[in-house]
Amino acid sequence: TITNIYFVPPTRAPYDYWGQGTQV
């Protein structure tokens, strides 16, 4: 979740939601 539409999270930033994953 962000308030600044130009903000890109840095490498170690936490995220709010995650998917289940896909195998590559």
PDBML (XML) file of the C-alpha atoms, coordinates in Angstrom:
<?xml version="1.0" encoding="UTF-8" ?>
<PDBx:datablock datablockName="MODEL"
   xmlns:PDBx="http://pdbml.pdb.org/schema/pdbx-v50.xsd"
   xmlns:xsi="http://www.w3.org/2001/XMLSchema-instance"
   xsi:schemaLocation="http://pdbml.pdb.org/schema/pdbx-v50.xsd pdbx-v50.xsd">
   <PDBx:atom_siteCategory>
      <PDBx:atom_site id="1">
         <PDBx:B_iso_or_equiv>0.00</PDBx:B_iso_or_equiv>
         <PDBx:Cartn_x>0.000</PDBx:Cartn_x>
         <PDBx:Cartn_y>0.000</PDBx:Cartn_y>
         <PDBx:Cartn_z>0.000</PDBx:Cartn_z>
         <PDBx:auth_asym_id>A</PDBx:auth_asym_id>
         <PDBx:auth_atom_id>CA</PDBx:auth_atom_id>
         <PDBx:auth_comp_id>THR</PDBx:auth_comp_id>
         <PDBx:auth_seq_id>1</PDBx:auth_seq_id>
         <PDBx:group_PDB>ATOM</PDBx:group_PDB>
         <PDBx:label_alt_id xsi:nil="true" />
         <PDBx:label_asym_id>A</PDBx:label_asym_id>
         <PDBx:label_atom_id>CA</PDBx:label_atom_id>
         <PDBx:label_comp_id>THR</PDBx:label_comp_id>
         <PDBx:label_entity_id>1</PDBx:label_entity_id>
         <PDBx:label_seq_id>1</PDBx:label_seq_id>
         <PDBx:occupancy>1.00</PDBx:occupancy>
         <PDBx:pdbx_PDB_model_num>1</PDBx:pdbx_PDB_model_num>
         <PDBx:type_symbol>C</PDBx:type_symbol>
      </PDBx:atom_site>
      <PDBx:atom_site id="2">
         <PDBx:B_iso_or_equiv>0.00</PDBx:B_iso_or_equiv>
         <PDBx:Cartn_x>1.338</PDBx:Cartn_x>
         <PDBx:Cartn_y>3.416</PDBx:Cartn_y>
         <PDBx:Cartn_z>-0.974</PDBx:Cartn_z>
         <PDBx:auth_asym_id>A</PDBx:auth_asym_id>
         <PDBx:auth_atom_id>CA</PDBx:auth_atom_id>
         <PDBx:auth_comp_id>ILE</PDBx:auth_comp_id>
         <PDBx:auth_seq_id>2</PDBx:auth_seq_id>
         <PDBx:group_PDB>ATOM</PDBx:group_PDB>
         <PDBx:label_alt_id xsi:nil="true" />
         <PDBx:label_asym_id>A</PDBx:label_asym_id>
         <PDBx:label_atom_id>CA</PDBx:label_atom_id>
         <PDBx:label_comp_id>ILE</PDBx:label_comp_id>
         <PDBx:label_entity_id>1</PDBx:label_entity_id>
         <PDBx:label_seq_id>2</PDBx:label_seq_id>
         <PDBx:occupancy>1.00</PDBx:occupancy>
         <PDBx:pdbx_PDB_model_num>1</PDBx:pdbx_PDB_model_num>
         <PDBx:type_symbol>C</PDBx:type_symbol>
      </PDBx:atom_site>
      <PDBx:atom_site id="3">
         <PDBx:B_iso_or_equiv>0.00</PDBx:B_iso_or_equiv>
         <PDBx:Cartn_x>0.296</PDBx:Cartn_x>
         <PDBx:Cartn_y>7.053</PDBx:Cartn_y>
         <PDBx:Cartn_z>-0.957</PDBx:Cartn_z>
         <PDBx:auth_asym_id>A</PDBx:auth_asym_id>
         <PDBx:auth_atom_id>CA</PDBx:auth_atom_id>
         <PDBx:auth_comp_id>THR</PDBx:auth_comp_id>
         <PDBx:auth_seq_id>3</PDBx:auth_seq_id>
         <PDBx:group_PDB>ATOM</PDBx:group_PDB>
         <PDBx:label_alt_id xsi:nil="true" />
         <PDBx:label_asym_id>A</PDBx:label_asym_id>
         <PDBx:label_atom_id>CA</PDBx:label_atom_id>
         <PDBx:label_comp_id>THR</PDBx:label_comp_id>
         <PDBx:label_entity_id>1</PDBx:label_entity_id>
         <PDBx:label_seq_id>3</PDBx:label_seq_id>
         <PDBx:occupancy>1.00</PDBx:occupancy>
         <PDBx:pdbx_PDB_model_num>1</PDBx:pdbx_PDB_model_num>
         <PDBx:type_symbol>C</PDBx:type_symbol>
      </PDBx:atom_site>
      <PDBx:atom_site id="4">
         <PDBx:B_iso_or_equiv>0.00</PDBx:B_iso_or_equiv>
         <PDBx:Cartn_x>2.874</PDBx:Cartn_x>
         <PDBx:Cartn_y>8.301</PDBx:Cartn_y>
         <PDBx:Cartn_z>-3.469</PDBx:Cartn_z>
         <PDBx:auth_asym_id>A</PDBx:auth_asym_id>
         <PDBx:auth_atom_id>CA</PDBx:auth_atom_id>
         <PDBx:auth_comp_id>ASN</PDBx:auth_comp_id>
         <PDBx:auth_seq_id>4</PDBx:auth_seq_id>
         <PDBx:group_PDB>ATOM</PDBx:group_PDB>
         <PDBx:label_alt_id xsi:nil="true" />
         <PDBx:label_asym_id>A</PDBx:label_asym_id>
         <PDBx:label_atom_id>CA</PDBx:label_atom_id>
         <PDBx:label_comp_id>ASN</PDBx:label_comp_id>
         <PDBx:label_entity_id>1</PDBx:label_entity_id>
         <PDBx:label_seq_id>4</PDBx:label_seq_id>
         <PDBx:occupancy>1.00</PDBx:occupancy>
         <PDBx:pdbx_PDB_model_num>1</PDBx:pdbx_PDB_model_num>
         <PDBx:type_symbol>C</PDBx:type_symbol>
      </PDBx:atom_site>
      <PDBx:atom_site id="5">
         <PDBx:B_iso_or_equiv>0.00</PDBx:B_iso_or_equiv>
         <PDBx:Cartn_x>2.166</PDBx:Cartn_x>
         <PDBx:Cartn_y>6.829</PDBx:Cartn_y>
         <PDBx:Cartn_z>-6.887</PDBx:Cartn_z>
         <PDBx:auth_asym_id>A</PDBx:auth_asym_id>
         <PDBx:auth_atom_id>CA</PDBx:auth_atom_id>
         <PDBx:auth_comp_id>ILE</PDBx:auth_comp_id>
         <PDBx:auth_seq_id>5</PDBx:auth_seq_id>
         <PDBx:group_PDB>ATOM</PDBx:group_PDB>
         <PDBx:label_alt_id xsi:nil="true" />
         <PDBx:label_asym_id>A</PDBx:label_asym_id>
         <PDBx:label_atom_id>CA</PDBx:label_atom_id>
         <PDBx:label_comp_id>ILE</PDBx:label_comp_id>
         <PDBx:label_entity_id>1</PDBx:label_entity_id>
         <PDBx:label_seq_id>5</PDBx:label_seq_id>
         <PDBx:occupancy>1.00</PDBx:occupancy>
         <PDBx:pdbx_PDB_model_num>1</PDBx:pdbx_PDB_model_num>
         <PDBx:type_symbol>C</PDBx:type_symbol>
      </PDBx:atom_site>
      <PDBx:atom_site id="6">
         <PDBx:B_iso_or_equiv>0.00</PDBx:B_iso_or_equiv>
         <PDBx:Cartn_x>5.812</PDBx:Cartn_x>
         <PDBx:Cartn_y>7.284</PDBx:Cartn_y>
         <PDBx:Cartn_z>-7.918</PDBx:Cartn_z>
         <PDBx:auth_asym_id>A</PDBx:auth_asym_id>
         <PDBx:auth_atom_id>CA</PDBx:auth_atom_id>
         <PDBx:auth_comp_id>TYR</PDBx:auth_comp_id>
         <PDBx:auth_seq_id>6</PDBx:auth_seq_id>
         <PDBx:group_PDB>ATOM</PDBx:group_PDB>
         <PDBx:label_alt_id xsi:nil="true" />
         <PDBx:label_asym_id>A</PDBx:label_asym_id>
         <PDBx:label_atom_id>CA</PDBx:label_atom_id>
         <PDBx:label_comp_id>TYR</PDBx:label_comp_id>
         <PDBx:label_entity_id>1</PDBx:label_entity_id>
         <PDBx:label_seq_id>6</PDBx:label_seq_id>
         <PDBx:occupancy>1.00</PDBx:occupancy>
         <PDBx:pdbx_PDB_model_num>1</PDBx:pdbx_PDB_model_num>
         <PDBx:type_symbol>C</PDBx:type_symbol>
      </PDBx:atom_site>
      <PDBx:atom_site id="7">
         <PDBx:B_iso_or_equiv>0.00</PDBx:B_iso_or_equiv>
         <PDBx:Cartn_x>7.211</PDBx:Cartn_x>
         <PDBx:Cartn_y>5.453</PDBx:Cartn_y>
         <PDBx:Cartn_z>-4.905</PDBx:Cartn_z>
         <PDBx:auth_asym_id>A</PDBx:auth_asym_id>
         <PDBx:auth_atom_id>CA</PDBx:auth_atom_id>
         <PDBx:auth_comp_id>PHE</PDBx:auth_comp_id>
         <PDBx:auth_seq_id>7</PDBx:auth_seq_id>
         <PDBx:group_PDB>ATOM</PDBx:group_PDB>
         <PDBx:label_alt_id xsi:nil="true" />
         <PDBx:label_asym_id>A</PDBx:label_asym_id>
         <PDBx:label_atom_id>CA</PDBx:label_atom_id>
         <PDBx:label_comp_id>PHE</PDBx:label_comp_id>
         <PDBx:label_entity_id>1</PDBx:label_entity_id>
         <PDBx:label_seq_id>7</PDBx:label_seq_id>
         <PDBx:occupancy>1.00</PDBx:occupancy>
         <PDBx:pdbx_PDB_model_num>1</PDBx:pdbx_PDB_model_num>
         <PDBx:type_symbol>C</PDBx:type_symbol>
      </PDBx:atom_site>
      <PDBx:atom_site id="8">
         <PDBx:B_iso_or_equiv>0.00</PDBx:B_iso_or_equiv>
         <PDBx:Cartn_x>9.071</PDBx:Cartn_x>
         <PDBx:Cartn_y>2.226</PDBx:Cartn_y>
         <PDBx:Cartn_z>-5.642</PDBx:Cartn_z>
         <PDBx:auth_asym_id>A</PDBx:auth_asym_id>
         <PDBx:auth_atom_id>CA</PDBx:auth_atom_id>
         <PDBx:auth_comp_id>VAL</PDBx:auth_comp_id>
         <PDBx:auth_seq_id>8</PDBx:auth_seq_id>
         <PDBx:group_PDB>ATOM</PDBx:group_PDB>
         <PDBx:label_alt_id xsi:nil="true" />
         <PDBx:label_asym_id>A</PDBx:label_asym_id>
         <PDBx:label_atom_id>CA</PDBx:label_atom_id>
         <PDBx:label_comp_id>VAL</PDBx:label_comp_id>
         <PDBx:label_entity_id>1</PDBx:label_entity_id>
         <PDBx:label_seq_id>8</PDBx:label_seq_id>
         <PDBx:occupancy>1.00</PDBx:occupancy>
         <PDBx:pdbx_PDB_model_num>1</PDBx:pdbx_PDB_model_num>
         <PDBx:type_symbol>C</PDBx:type_symbol>
      </PDBx:atom_site>
      <PDBx:atom_site id="9">
         <PDBx:B_iso_or_equiv>0.00</PDBx:B_iso_or_equiv>
         <PDBx:Cartn_x>9.800</PDBx:Cartn_x>
         <PDBx:Cartn_y>0.135</PDBx:Cartn_y>
         <PDBx:Cartn_z>-2.562</PDBx:Cartn_z>
         <PDBx:auth_asym_id>A</PDBx:auth_asym_id>
         <PDBx:auth_atom_id>CA</PDBx:auth_atom_id>
         <PDBx:auth_comp_id>PRO</PDBx:auth_comp_id>
         <PDBx:auth_seq_id>9</PDBx:auth_seq_id>
         <PDBx:group_PDB>ATOM</PDBx:group_PDB>
         <PDBx:label_alt_id xsi:nil="true" />
         <PDBx:label_asym_id>A</PDBx:label_asym_id>
         <PDBx:label_atom_id>CA</PDBx:label_atom_id>
         <PDBx:label_comp_id>PRO</PDBx:label_comp_id>
         <PDBx:label_entity_id>1</PDBx:label_entity_id>
         <PDBx:label_seq_id>9</PDBx:label_seq_id>
         <PDBx:occupancy>1.00</PDBx:occupancy>
         <PDBx:pdbx_PDB_model_num>1</PDBx:pdbx_PDB_model_num>
         <PDBx:type_symbol>C</PDBx:type_symbol>
      </PDBx:atom_site>
      <PDBx:atom_site id="10">
         <PDBx:B_iso_or_equiv>0.00</PDBx:B_iso_or_equiv>
         <PDBx:Cartn_x>13.483</PDBx:Cartn_x>
         <PDBx:Cartn_y>-0.387</PDBx:Cartn_y>
         <PDBx:Cartn_z>-1.781</PDBx:Cartn_z>
         <PDBx:auth_asym_id>A</PDBx:auth_asym_id>
         <PDBx:auth_atom_id>CA</PDBx:auth_atom_id>
         <PDBx:auth_comp_id>PRO</PDBx:auth_comp_id>
         <PDBx:auth_seq_id>10</PDBx:auth_seq_id>
         <PDBx:group_PDB>ATOM</PDBx:group_PDB>
         <PDBx:label_alt_id xsi:nil="true" />
         <PDBx:label_asym_id>A</PDBx:label_asym_id>
         <PDBx:label_atom_id>CA</PDBx:label_atom_id>
         <PDBx:label_comp_id>PRO</PDBx:label_comp_id>
         <PDBx:label_entity_id>1</PDBx:label_entity_id>
         <PDBx:label_seq_id>10</PDBx:label_seq_id>
         <PDBx:occupancy>1.00</PDBx:occupancy>
         <PDBx:pdbx_PDB_model_num>1</PDBx:pdbx_PDB_model_num>
         <PDBx:type_symbol>C</PDBx:type_symbol>
      </PDBx:atom_site>
      <PDBx:atom_site id="11">
         <PDBx:B_iso_or_equiv>0.00</PDBx:B_iso_or_equiv>
         <PDBx:Cartn_x>14.895</PDBx:Cartn_x>
         <PDBx:Cartn_y>-3.869</PDBx:Cartn_y>
         <PDBx:Cartn_z>-1.688</PDBx:Cartn_z>
         <PDBx:auth_asym_id>A</PDBx:auth_asym_id>
         <PDBx:auth_atom_id>CA</PDBx:auth_atom_id>
         <PDBx:auth_comp_id>THR</PDBx:auth_comp_id>
         <PDBx:auth_seq_id>11</PDBx:auth_seq_id>
         <PDBx:group_PDB>ATOM</PDBx:group_PDB>
         <PDBx:label_alt_id xsi:nil="true" />
         <PDBx:label_asym_id>A</PDBx:label_asym_id>
         <PDBx:label_atom_id>CA</PDBx:label_atom_id>
         <PDBx:label_comp_id>THR</PDBx:label_comp_id>
         <PDBx:label_entity_id>1</PDBx:label_entity_id>
         <PDBx:label_seq_id>11</PDBx:label_seq_id>
         <PDBx:occupancy>1.00</PDBx:occupancy>
         <PDBx:pdbx_PDB_model_num>1</PDBx:pdbx_PDB_model_num>
         <PDBx:type_symbol>C</PDBx:type_symbol>
      </PDBx:atom_site>
      <PDBx:atom_site id="12">
         <PDBx:B_iso_or_equiv>0.00</PDBx:B_iso_or_equiv>
         <PDBx:Cartn_x>14.151</PDBx:Cartn_x>
         <PDBx:Cartn_y>-4.662</PDBx:Cartn_y>
         <PDBx:Cartn_z>1.969</PDBx:Cartn_z>
         <PDBx:auth_asym_id>A</PDBx:auth_asym_id>
         <PDBx:auth_atom_id>CA</PDBx:auth_atom_id>
         <PDBx:auth_comp_id>ARG</PDBx:auth_comp_id>
         <PDBx:auth_seq_id>12</PDBx:auth_seq_id>
         <PDBx:group_PDB>ATOM</PDBx:group_PDB>
         <PDBx:label_alt_id xsi:nil="true" />
         <PDBx:label_asym_id>A</PDBx:label_asym_id>
         <PDBx:label_atom_id>CA</PDBx:label_atom_id>
         <PDBx:label_comp_id>ARG</PDBx:label_comp_id>
         <PDBx:label_entity_id>1</PDBx:label_entity_id>
         <PDBx:label_seq_id>12</PDBx:label_seq_id>
         <PDBx:occupancy>1.00</PDBx:occupancy>
         <PDBx:pdbx_PDB_model_num>1</PDBx:pdbx_PDB_model_num>
         <PDBx:type_symbol>C</PDBx:type_symbol>
      </PDBx:atom_site>
      <PDBx:atom_site id="13">
         <PDBx:B_iso_or_equiv>0.00</PDBx:B_iso_or_equiv>
         <PDBx:Cartn_x>10.812</PDBx:Cartn_x>
         <PDBx:Cartn_y>-2.880</PDBx:Cartn_y>
         <PDBx:Cartn_z>2.247</PDBx:Cartn_z>
         <PDBx:auth_asym_id>A</PDBx:auth_asym_id>
         <PDBx:auth_atom_id>CA</PDBx:auth_atom_id>
         <PDBx:auth_comp_id>ALA</PDBx:auth_comp_id>
         <PDBx:auth_seq_id>13</PDBx:auth_seq_id>
         <PDBx:group_PDB>ATOM</PDBx:group_PDB>
         <PDBx:label_alt_id xsi:nil="true" />
         <PDBx:label_asym_id>A</PDBx:label_asym_id>
         <PDBx:label_atom_id>CA</PDBx:label_atom_id>
         <PDBx:label_comp_id>ALA</PDBx:label_comp_id>
         <PDBx:label_entity_id>1</PDBx:label_entity_id>
         <PDBx:label_seq_id>13</PDBx:label_seq_id>
         <PDBx:occupancy>1.00</PDBx:occupancy>
         <PDBx:pdbx_PDB_model_num>1</PDBx:pdbx_PDB_model_num>
         <PDBx:type_symbol>C</PDBx:type_symbol>
      </PDBx:atom_site>
      <PDBx:atom_site id="14">
         <PDBx:B_iso_or_equiv>0.00</PDBx:B_iso_or_equiv>
         <PDBx:Cartn_x>7.930</PDBx:Cartn_x>
         <PDBx:Cartn_y>-4.859</PDBx:Cartn_y>
         <PDBx:Cartn_z>3.740</PDBx:Cartn_z>
         <PDBx:auth_asym_id>A</PDBx:auth_asym_id>
         <PDBx:auth_atom_id>CA</PDBx:auth_atom_id>
         <PDBx:auth_comp_id>PRO</PDBx:auth_comp_id>
         <PDBx:auth_seq_id>14</PDBx:auth_seq_id>
         <PDBx:group_PDB>ATOM</PDBx:group_PDB>
         <PDBx:label_alt_id xsi:nil="true" />
         <PDBx:label_asym_id>A</PDBx:label_asym_id>
         <PDBx:label_atom_id>CA</PDBx:label_atom_id>
         <PDBx:label_comp_id>PRO</PDBx:label_comp_id>
         <PDBx:label_entity_id>1</PDBx:label_entity_id>
         <PDBx:label_seq_id>14</PDBx:label_seq_id>
         <PDBx:occupancy>1.00</PDBx:occupancy>
         <PDBx:pdbx_PDB_model_num>1</PDBx:pdbx_PDB_model_num>
         <PDBx:type_symbol>C</PDBx:type_symbol>
      </PDBx:atom_site>
      <PDBx:atom_site id="15">
         <PDBx:B_iso_or_equiv>0.00</PDBx:B_iso_or_equiv>
         <PDBx:Cartn_x>4.889</PDBx:Cartn_x>
         <PDBx:Cartn_y>-5.739</PDBx:Cartn_y>
         <PDBx:Cartn_z>1.665</PDBx:Cartn_z>
         <PDBx:auth_asym_id>A</PDBx:auth_asym_id>
         <PDBx:auth_atom_id>CA</PDBx:auth_atom_id>
         <PDBx:auth_comp_id>TYR</PDBx:auth_comp_id>
         <PDBx:auth_seq_id>15</PDBx:auth_seq_id>
         <PDBx:group_PDB>ATOM</PDBx:group_PDB>
         <PDBx:label_alt_id xsi:nil="true" />
         <PDBx:label_asym_id>A</PDBx:label_asym_id>
         <PDBx:label_atom_id>CA</PDBx:label_atom_id>
         <PDBx:label_comp_id>TYR</PDBx:label_comp_id>
         <PDBx:label_entity_id>1</PDBx:label_entity_id>
         <PDBx:label_seq_id>15</PDBx:label_seq_id>
         <PDBx:occupancy>1.00</PDBx:occupancy>
         <PDBx:pdbx_PDB_model_num>1</PDBx:pdbx_PDB_model_num>
         <PDBx:type_symbol>C</PDBx:type_symbol>
      </PDBx:atom_site>
      <PDBx:atom_site id="16">
         <PDBx:B_iso_or_equiv>0.00</PDBx:B_iso_or_equiv>
         <PDBx:Cartn_x>1.279</PDBx:Cartn_x>
         <PDBx:Cartn_y>-6.076</PDBx:Cartn_y>
         <PDBx:Cartn_z>2.757</PDBx:Cartn_z>
         <PDBx:auth_asym_id>A</PDBx:auth_asym_id>
         <PDBx:auth_atom_id>CA</PDBx:auth_atom_id>
         <PDBx:auth_comp_id>ASP</PDBx:auth_comp_id>
         <PDBx:auth_seq_id>16</PDBx:auth_seq_id>
         <PDBx:group_PDB>ATOM</PDBx:group_PDB>
         <PDBx:label_alt_id xsi:nil="true" />
         <PDBx:label_asym_id>A</PDBx:label_asym_id>
         <PDBx:label_atom_id>CA</PDBx:label_atom_id>
         <PDBx:label_comp_id>ASP</PDBx:label_comp_id>
         <PDBx:label_entity_id>1</PDBx:label_entity_id>
         <PDBx:label_seq_id>16</PDBx:label_seq_id>
         <PDBx:occupancy>1.00</PDBx:occupancy>
         <PDBx:pdbx_PDB_model_num>1</PDBx:pdbx_PDB_model_num>
         <PDBx:type_symbol>C</PDBx:type_symbol>
      </PDBx:atom_site>
      <PDBx:atom_site id="17">
         <PDBx:B_iso_or_equiv>0.00</PDBx:B_iso_or_equiv>
         <PDBx:Cartn_x>-0.026</PDBx:Cartn_x>
         <PDBx:Cartn_y>-8.890</PDBx:Cartn_y>
         <PDBx:Cartn_z>0.552</PDBx:Cartn_z>
         <PDBx:auth_asym_id>A</PDBx:auth_asym_id>
         <PDBx:auth_atom_id>CA</PDBx:auth_atom_id>
         <PDBx:auth_comp_id>TYR</PDBx:auth_comp_id>
         <PDBx:auth_seq_id>17</PDBx:auth_seq_id>
         <PDBx:group_PDB>ATOM</PDBx:group_PDB>
         <PDBx:label_alt_id xsi:nil="true" />
         <PDBx:label_asym_id>A</PDBx:label_asym_id>
         <PDBx:label_atom_id>CA</PDBx:label_atom_id>
         <PDBx:label_comp_id>TYR</PDBx:label_comp_id>
         <PDBx:label_entity_id>1</PDBx:label_entity_id>
         <PDBx:label_seq_id>17</PDBx:label_seq_id>
         <PDBx:occupancy>1.00</PDBx:occupancy>
         <PDBx:pdbx_PDB_model_num>1</PDBx:pdbx_PDB_model_num>
         <PDBx:type_symbol>C</PDBx:type_symbol>
      </PDBx:atom_site>
      <PDBx:atom_site id="18">
         <PDBx:B_iso_or_equiv>0.00</PDBx:B_iso_or_equiv>
         <PDBx:Cartn_x>1.522</PDBx:Cartn_x>
         <PDBx:Cartn_y>-11.929</PDBx:Cartn_y>
         <PDBx:Cartn_z>-1.086</PDBx:Cartn_z>
         <PDBx:auth_asym_id>A</PDBx:auth_asym_id>
         <PDBx:auth_atom_id>CA</PDBx:auth_atom_id>
         <PDBx:auth_comp_id>TRP</PDBx:auth_comp_id>
         <PDBx:auth_seq_id>18</PDBx:auth_seq_id>
         <PDBx:group_PDB>ATOM</PDBx:group_PDB>
         <PDBx:label_alt_id xsi:nil="true" />
         <PDBx:label_asym_id>A</PDBx:label_asym_id>
         <PDBx:label_atom_id>CA</PDBx:label_atom_id>
         <PDBx:label_comp_id>TRP</PDBx:label_comp_id>
         <PDBx:label_entity_id>1</PDBx:label_entity_id>
         <PDBx:label_seq_id>18</PDBx:label_seq_id>
         <PDBx:occupancy>1.00</PDBx:occupancy>
         <PDBx:pdbx_PDB_model_num>1</PDBx:pdbx_PDB_model_num>
         <PDBx:type_symbol>C</PDBx:type_symbol>
      </PDBx:atom_site>
      <PDBx:atom_site id="19">
         <PDBx:B_iso_or_equiv>0.00</PDBx:B_iso_or_equiv>
         <PDBx:Cartn_x>0.578</PDBx:Cartn_x>
         <PDBx:Cartn_y>-14.464</PDBx:Cartn_y>
         <PDBx:Cartn_z>-3.720</PDBx:Cartn_z>
         <PDBx:auth_asym_id>A</PDBx:auth_asym_id>
         <PDBx:auth_atom_id>CA</PDBx:auth_atom_id>
         <PDBx:auth_comp_id>GLY</PDBx:auth_comp_id>
         <PDBx:auth_seq_id>19</PDBx:auth_seq_id>
         <PDBx:group_PDB>ATOM</PDBx:group_PDB>
         <PDBx:label_alt_id xsi:nil="true" />
         <PDBx:label_asym_id>A</PDBx:label_asym_id>
         <PDBx:label_atom_id>CA</PDBx:label_atom_id>
         <PDBx:label_comp_id>GLY</PDBx:label_comp_id>
         <PDBx:label_entity_id>1</PDBx:label_entity_id>
         <PDBx:label_seq_id>19</PDBx:label_seq_id>
         <PDBx:occupancy>1.00</PDBx:occupancy>
         <PDBx:pdbx_PDB_model_num>1</PDBx:pdbx_PDB_model_num>
         <PDBx:type_symbol>C</PDBx:type_symbol>
      </PDBx:atom_site>
      <PDBx:atom_site id="20">
         <PDBx:B_iso_or_equiv>0.00</PDBx:B_iso_or_equiv>
         <PDBx:Cartn_x>0.956</PDBx:Cartn_x>
         <PDBx:Cartn_y>-18.227</PDBx:Cartn_y>
         <PDBx:Cartn_z>-3.453</PDBx:Cartn_z>
         <PDBx:auth_asym_id>A</PDBx:auth_asym_id>
         <PDBx:auth_atom_id>CA</PDBx:auth_atom_id>
         <PDBx:auth_comp_id>GLN</PDBx:auth_comp_id>
         <PDBx:auth_seq_id>20</PDBx:auth_seq_id>
         <PDBx:group_PDB>ATOM</PDBx:group_PDB>
         <PDBx:label_alt_id xsi:nil="true" />
         <PDBx:label_asym_id>A</PDBx:label_asym_id>
         <PDBx:label_atom_id>CA</PDBx:label_atom_id>
         <PDBx:label_comp_id>GLN</PDBx:label_comp_id>
         <PDBx:label_entity_id>1</PDBx:label_entity_id>
         <PDBx:label_seq_id>20</PDBx:label_seq_id>
         <PDBx:occupancy>1.00</PDBx:occupancy>
         <PDBx:pdbx_PDB_model_num>1</PDBx:pdbx_PDB_model_num>
         <PDBx:type_symbol>C</PDBx:type_symbol>
      </PDBx:atom_site>
      <PDBx:atom_site id="21">
         <PDBx:B_iso_or_equiv>0.00</PDBx:B_iso_or_equiv>
         <PDBx:Cartn_x>3.818</PDBx:Cartn_x>
         <PDBx:Cartn_y>-18.404</PDBx:Cartn_y>
         <PDBx:Cartn_z>-5.927</PDBx:Cartn_z>
         <PDBx:auth_asym_id>A</PDBx:auth_asym_id>
         <PDBx:auth_atom_id>CA</PDBx:auth_atom_id>
         <PDBx:auth_comp_id>GLY</PDBx:auth_comp_id>
         <PDBx:auth_seq_id>21</PDBx:auth_seq_id>
         <PDBx:group_PDB>ATOM</PDBx:group_PDB>
         <PDBx:label_alt_id xsi:nil="true" />
         <PDBx:label_asym_id>A</PDBx:label_asym_id>
         <PDBx:label_atom_id>CA</PDBx:label_atom_id>
         <PDBx:label_comp_id>GLY</PDBx:label_comp_id>
         <PDBx:label_entity_id>1</PDBx:label_entity_id>
         <PDBx:label_seq_id>21</PDBx:label_seq_id>
         <PDBx:occupancy>1.00</PDBx:occupancy>
         <PDBx:pdbx_PDB_model_num>1</PDBx:pdbx_PDB_model_num>
         <PDBx:type_symbol>C</PDBx:type_symbol>
      </PDBx:atom_site>
      <PDBx:atom_site id="22">
         <PDBx:B_iso_or_equiv>0.00</PDBx:B_iso_or_equiv>
         <PDBx:Cartn_x>4.542</PDBx:Cartn_x>
         <PDBx:Cartn_y>-19.982</PDBx:Cartn_y>
         <PDBx:Cartn_z>-9.287</PDBx:Cartn_z>
         <PDBx:auth_asym_id>A</PDBx:auth_asym_id>
         <PDBx:auth_atom_id>CA</PDBx:auth_atom_id>
         <PDBx:auth_comp_id>THR</PDBx:auth_comp_id>
         <PDBx:auth_seq_id>22</PDBx:auth_seq_id>
         <PDBx:group_PDB>ATOM</PDBx:group_PDB>
         <PDBx:label_alt_id xsi:nil="true" />
         <PDBx:label_asym_id>A</PDBx:label_asym_id>
         <PDBx:label_atom_id>CA</PDBx:label_atom_id>
         <PDBx:label_comp_id>THR</PDBx:label_comp_id>
         <PDBx:label_entity_id>1</PDBx:label_entity_id>
         <PDBx:label_seq_id>22</PDBx:label_seq_id>
         <PDBx:occupancy>1.00</PDBx:occupancy>
         <PDBx:pdbx_PDB_model_num>1</PDBx:pdbx_PDB_model_num>
         <PDBx:type_symbol>C</PDBx:type_symbol>
      </PDBx:atom_site>
      <PDBx:atom_site id="23">
         <PDBx:B_iso_or_equiv>0.00</PDBx:B_iso_or_equiv>
         <PDBx:Cartn_x>7.375</PDBx:Cartn_x>
         <PDBx:Cartn_y>-22.405</PDBx:Cartn_y>
         <PDBx:Cartn_z>-9.996</PDBx:Cartn_z>
         <PDBx:auth_asym_id>A</PDBx:auth_asym_id>
         <PDBx:auth_atom_id>CA</PDBx:auth_atom_id>
         <PDBx:auth_comp_id>GLN</PDBx:auth_comp_id>
         <PDBx:auth_seq_id>23</PDBx:auth_seq_id>
         <PDBx:group_PDB>ATOM</PDBx:group_PDB>
         <PDBx:label_alt_id xsi:nil="true" />
         <PDBx:label_asym_id>A</PDBx:label_asym_id>
         <PDBx:label_atom_id>CA</PDBx:label_atom_id>
         <PDBx:label_comp_id>GLN</PDBx:label_comp_id>
         <PDBx:label_entity_id>1</PDBx:label_entity_id>
         <PDBx:label_seq_id>23</PDBx:label_seq_id>
         <PDBx:occupancy>1.00</PDBx:occupancy>
         <PDBx:pdbx_PDB_model_num>1</PDBx:pdbx_PDB_model_num>
         <PDBx:type_symbol>C</PDBx:type_symbol>
      </PDBx:atom_site>
      <PDBx:atom_site id="24">
         <PDBx:B_iso_or_equiv>0.00</PDBx:B_iso_or_equiv>
         <PDBx:Cartn_x>10.072</PDBx:Cartn_x>
         <PDBx:Cartn_y>-21.471</PDBx:Cartn_y>
         <PDBx:Cartn_z>-12.493</PDBx:Cartn_z>
         <PDBx:auth_asym_id>A</PDBx:auth_asym_id>
         <PDBx:auth_atom_id>CA</PDBx:auth_atom_id>
         <PDBx:auth_comp_id>VAL</PDBx:auth_comp_id>
         <PDBx:auth_seq_id>24</PDBx:auth_seq_id>
         <PDBx:group_PDB>ATOM</PDBx:group_PDB>
         <PDBx:label_alt_id xsi:nil="true" />
         <PDBx:label_asym_id>A</PDBx:label_asym_id>
         <PDBx:label_atom_id>CA</PDBx:label_atom_id>
         <PDBx:label_comp_id>VAL</PDBx:label_comp_id>
         <PDBx:label_entity_id>1</PDBx:label_entity_id>
         <PDBx:label_seq_id>24</PDBx:label_seq_id>
         <PDBx:occupancy>1.00</PDBx:occupancy>
         <PDBx:pdbx_PDB_model_num>1</PDBx:pdbx_PDB_model_num>
         <PDBx:type_symbol>C</PDBx:type_symbol>
      </PDBx:atom_site>
   </PDBx:atom_siteCategory>
</PDBx:datablock>
